[in-house]
Amino acid sequence: MYGSQNQGSGSRSNNLVVPQATAALQQLKMEAAQELGVTIPQDGYYGNYTSRETGSLGGYITKRLVQIAEQQLSGRS
């Protein structure tokens, strides 16, 4: 779960609102990448990836997070 906050000069910083969620988000990212056939860079640098690759990864993660939240709200786990 990320929170965004402006830092005056127009730059943004994504900070985890719940730091304990780091491992779960990393696992979700790895599962999404595997599902989509996108290799996660070991050094964390995504500059050599297309917008389509990173966008599809982010969109898939968002879709899964919404599904998880809907399941939790409906009482299913």
Protein backbone atom coordinates (compact mmCIF):
# COMPACT_ATOMS: atom_id res chain seq x y z
CA MET A 1 0.00 0.00 0.00
CA TYR A 2 1.65 3.17 -1.19
CA GLY A 3 0.97 6.75 -0.14
CA SER A 4 2.04 9.67 -2.26
CA GLN A 5 3.11 12.99 -0.91
CA ASN A 6 4.23 16.11 -2.71
CA GLN A 7 7.61 17.39 -1.72
CA GLY A 8 7.31 20.99 -2.78
CA SER A 9 9.26 21.01 -6.05
CA GLY A 10 6.73 18.92 -7.95
CA SER A 11 8.48 15.62 -7.28
CA ARG A 12 6.62 12.70 -5.75
CA SER A 13 7.72 9.99 -3.42
CA ASN A 14 5.89 6.68 -3.00
CA ASN A 15 6.10 5.53 0.58
CA LEU A 16 4.53 2.42 2.01
CA VAL A 17 1.67 3.29 4.32
CA VAL A 18 1.93 -0.21 5.83
CA PRO A 19 5.64 -1.19 5.78
CA GLN A 20 4.74 -4.77 6.76
CA ALA A 21 3.14 -5.15 3.30
CA THR A 22 6.52 -5.02 1.52
CA ALA A 23 6.99 -8.79 1.27
CA ALA A 24 3.42 -9.37 0.10
CA LEU A 25 3.72 -6.68 -2.59
CA GLN A 26 7.05 -8.11 -3.78
CA GLN A 27 5.46 -11.57 -4.03
CA LEU A 28 2.52 -10.13 -5.96
CA LYS A 29 4.93 -8.34 -8.33
CA MET A 30 6.86 -11.57 -8.96
CA GLU A 31 3.65 -13.53 -9.62
CA ALA A 32 2.37 -10.83 -11.98
CA ALA A 33 5.67 -10.71 -13.87
CA GLN A 34 5.70 -14.48 -14.26
CA GLU A 35 2.09 -14.50 -15.44
CA LEU A 36 2.81 -11.78 -18.02
CA GLY A 37 6.21 -13.11 -19.10
CA VAL A 38 8.06 -10.00 -17.92
CA THR A 39 11.46 -10.47 -16.27
CA ILE A 40 12.00 -8.39 -13.13
CA PRO A 41 15.44 -6.73 -13.31
CA GLN A 42 17.76 -7.89 -10.53
CA ASP A 43 19.16 -4.38 -10.04
CA GLY A 44 15.69 -2.79 -9.89
CA TYR A 45 16.36 -0.60 -12.96
CA TYR A 46 13.40 -0.57 -15.33
CA GLY A 47 14.89 1.92 -17.83
CA ASN A 48 15.38 -0.76 -20.48
CA TYR A 49 11.75 -1.85 -20.37
CA THR A 50 8.98 -0.55 -22.58
CA SER A 51 6.06 1.43 -21.22
CA ARG A 52 3.87 -1.43 -22.36
CA GLU A 53 5.79 -3.94 -20.19
CA THR A 54 5.87 -1.81 -17.05
CA GLY A 55 2.31 -0.59 -17.59
CA SER A 56 0.95 -4.09 -18.02
CA LEU A 57 2.77 -5.17 -14.86
CA GLY A 58 1.38 -2.23 -12.86
CA GLY A 59 -2.11 -2.73 -14.27
CA TYR A 60 -2.08 -6.43 -13.45
CA ILE A 61 -0.94 -5.74 -9.88
CA THR A 62 -3.67 -3.13 -9.45
CA LYS A 63 -6.29 -5.53 -10.82
CA ARG A 64 -5.18 -8.25 -8.37
CA LEU A 65 -5.20 -5.82 -5.41
CA VAL A 66 -8.76 -4.79 -6.28
CA GLN A 67 -9.79 -8.46 -6.52
CA ILE A 68 -8.23 -9.18 -3.12
CA ALA A 69 -9.99 -6.18 -1.55
CA GLU A 70 -13.35 -7.18 -3.06
CA GLN A 71 -12.94 -10.72 -1.69
CA GLN A 72 -12.12 -9.39 1.76
CA LEU A 73 -15.08 -7.02 1.70
CA SER A 74 -17.44 -9.80 0.66
CA GLY A 75 -16.17 -12.03 3.46
CA ARG A 76 -14.37 -14.55 1.25
CA SER A 77 -10.64 -15.14 1.64
